[in-house]
Amino acid sequence: MPLLINVARDKGVAAYVGDGRNRWPAVHRLDAANLFRLALEKALREPGITGRGTGRAVREIAGVIGRRLDLRSKA
């Protein structure tokens, strides 16, 4: 935000691209980085968690999205 504020001050206008409906993340990058680090450290401390093989395959995610939107999913 400070960057956008400074540019607006320098240029005299608070501008945006297109119709302005794009989104700005509602979390500071350092806060997100700290949260990710804490989650990773906790996961690595838990017995049986290796940090590998967790999460979902992209194909599976695409399949759920496709089903919810009544669309095909493909590679």
C-alpha atoms as a PDB file:
ATOM      1  CA  MET A   1       0.000   0.000   0.000  1.00  0.00           C
ATOM      2  CA  PRO A   2       2.725   2.523   0.745  1.00  0.00           C
ATOM      3  CA  LEU A   3       3.922   2.204  -2.862  1.00  0.00           C
ATOM      4  CA  LEU A   4       0.449   2.944  -4.239  1.00  0.00           C
ATOM      5  CA  ILE A   5       0.030   5.853  -1.841  1.00  0.00           C
ATOM      6  CA  ASN A   6       3.396   7.330  -2.815  1.00  0.00           C
ATOM      7  CA  VAL A   7       2.709   6.991  -6.541  1.00  0.00           C
ATOM      8  CA  ALA A   8      -0.681   8.667  -6.111  1.00  0.00           C
ATOM      9  CA  ARG A   9       0.928  11.477  -4.182  1.00  0.00           C
ATOM     10  CA  ASP A  10       3.676  11.906  -6.782  1.00  0.00           C
ATOM     11  CA  LYS A  11       1.332  11.786  -9.790  1.00  0.00           C
ATOM     12  CA  GLY A  12      -1.599  13.603  -8.247  1.00  0.00           C
ATOM     13  CA  VAL A  13      -4.033  10.828  -9.054  1.00  0.00           C
ATOM     14  CA  ALA A  14      -4.905   7.438  -7.582  1.00  0.00           C
ATOM     15  CA  ALA A  15      -5.022   5.446 -10.807  1.00  0.00           C
ATOM     16  CA  TYR A  16      -5.950   1.860 -11.555  1.00  0.00           C
ATOM     17  CA  VAL A  17      -5.784  -0.449 -14.565  1.00  0.00           C
ATOM     18  CA  GLY A  18      -8.823  -1.435 -16.609  1.00  0.00           C
ATOM     19  CA  ASP A  19     -12.169  -1.306 -14.832  1.00  0.00           C
ATOM     20  CA  GLY A  20     -10.549  -1.564 -11.392  1.00  0.00           C
ATOM     21  CA  ARG A  21     -12.176  -4.869 -10.456  1.00  0.00           C
ATOM     22  CA  ASN A  22      -8.839  -6.649  -9.969  1.00  0.00           C
ATOM     23  CA  ARG A  23      -8.134  -7.666  -6.360  1.00  0.00           C
ATOM     24  CA  TRP A  24      -5.360  -6.697  -3.980  1.00  0.00           C
ATOM     25  CA  PRO A  25      -4.242  -9.339  -1.482  1.00  0.00           C
ATOM     26  CA  ALA A  26      -5.536  -8.609   2.010  1.00  0.00           C
ATOM     27  CA  VAL A  27      -2.416  -9.866   3.774  1.00  0.00           C
ATOM     28  CA  HIS A  28       1.033  -8.361   4.094  1.00  0.00           C
ATOM     29  CA  ARG A  29       3.728 -10.483   2.455  1.00  0.00           C
ATOM     30  CA  LEU A  30       5.742 -10.744   5.672  1.00  0.00           C
ATOM     31  CA  ASP A  31       2.677 -11.905   7.612  1.00  0.00           C
ATOM     32  CA  ALA A  32       1.975 -14.537   4.962  1.00  0.00           C
ATOM     33  CA  ALA A  33       5.616 -15.646   5.014  1.00  0.00           C
ATOM     34  CA  ASN A  34       5.573 -15.987   8.822  1.00  0.00           C
ATOM     35  CA  LEU A  35       2.350 -17.991   8.724  1.00  0.00           C
ATOM     36  CA  PHE A  36       3.740 -20.304   6.043  1.00  0.00           C
ATOM     37  CA  ARG A  37       6.947 -20.818   8.042  1.00  0.00           C
ATOM     38  CA  LEU A  38       5.035 -21.640  11.227  1.00  0.00           C
ATOM     39  CA  ALA A  39       2.777 -24.105   9.401  1.00  0.00           C
ATOM     40  CA  LEU A  40       5.762 -25.802   7.774  1.00  0.00           C
ATOM     41  CA  GLU A  41       7.672 -26.029  11.054  1.00  0.00           C
ATOM     42  CA  LYS A  42       4.654 -27.539  12.798  1.00  0.00           C
ATOM     43  CA  ALA A  43       4.082 -30.037   9.990  1.00  0.00           C
ATOM     44  CA  LEU A  44       7.700 -31.153  10.113  1.00  0.00           C
ATOM     45  CA  ARG A  45       7.535 -31.652  13.900  1.00  0.00           C
ATOM     46  CA  GLU A  46       4.464 -33.900  13.715  1.00  0.00           C
ATOM     47  CA  PRO A  47       5.235 -37.645  13.683  1.00  0.00           C
ATOM     48  CA  GLY A  48       4.741 -39.250  10.305  1.00  0.00           C
ATOM     49  CA  ILE A  49       4.728 -36.016   8.336  1.00  0.00           C
ATOM     50  CA  THR A  50       7.628 -35.820   5.957  1.00  0.00           C
ATOM     51  CA  GLY A  51       6.687 -32.684   4.054  1.00  0.00           C
ATOM     52  CA  ARG A  52       6.335 -34.777   0.909  1.00  0.00           C
ATOM     53  CA  GLY A  53       3.182 -36.208  -0.540  1.00  0.00           C
ATOM     54  CA  THR A  54       0.875 -33.780   1.182  1.00  0.00           C
ATOM     55  CA  GLY A  55      -1.684 -31.697  -0.600  1.00  0.00           C
ATOM     56  CA  ARG A  56      -3.822 -32.563  -3.572  1.00  0.00           C
ATOM     57  CA  ALA A  57      -2.916 -33.299  -7.151  1.00  0.00           C
ATOM     58  CA  VAL A  58      -3.703 -30.480  -9.553  1.00  0.00           C
ATOM     59  CA  ARG A  59      -5.709 -32.927 -11.644  1.00  0.00           C
ATOM     60  CA  GLU A  60      -7.880 -33.665  -8.609  1.00  0.00           C
ATOM     61  CA  ILE A  61      -8.398 -29.976  -7.944  1.00  0.00           C
ATOM     62  CA  ALA A  62      -9.293 -29.385 -11.585  1.00  0.00           C
ATOM     63  CA  GLY A  63     -11.723 -32.288 -11.412  1.00  0.00           C
ATOM     64  CA  VAL A  64     -13.555 -30.784  -8.437  1.00  0.00           C
ATOM     65  CA  ILE A  65     -13.680 -27.397 -10.117  1.00  0.00           C
ATOM     66  CA  GLY A  66     -14.969 -28.988 -13.312  1.00  0.00           C
ATOM     67  CA  ARG A  67     -17.689 -30.895 -11.452  1.00  0.00           C
ATOM     68  CA  ARG A  68     -18.776 -27.821  -9.507  1.00  0.00           C
ATOM     69  CA  LEU A  69     -18.936 -25.727 -12.661  1.00  0.00           C
ATOM     70  CA  ASP A  70     -20.306 -28.531 -14.819  1.00  0.00           C
ATOM     71  CA  LEU A  71     -17.245 -28.379 -17.053  1.00  0.00           C
ATOM     72  CA  ARG A  72     -14.734 -30.894 -18.356  1.00  0.00           C
ATOM     73  CA  SER A  73     -11.305 -31.064 -16.846  1.00  0.00           C
ATOM     74  CA  LYS A  74      -8.404 -32.186 -18.970  1.00  0.00           C
ATOM     75  CA  ALA A  75      -4.661 -31.978 -19.300  1.00  0.00           C
END
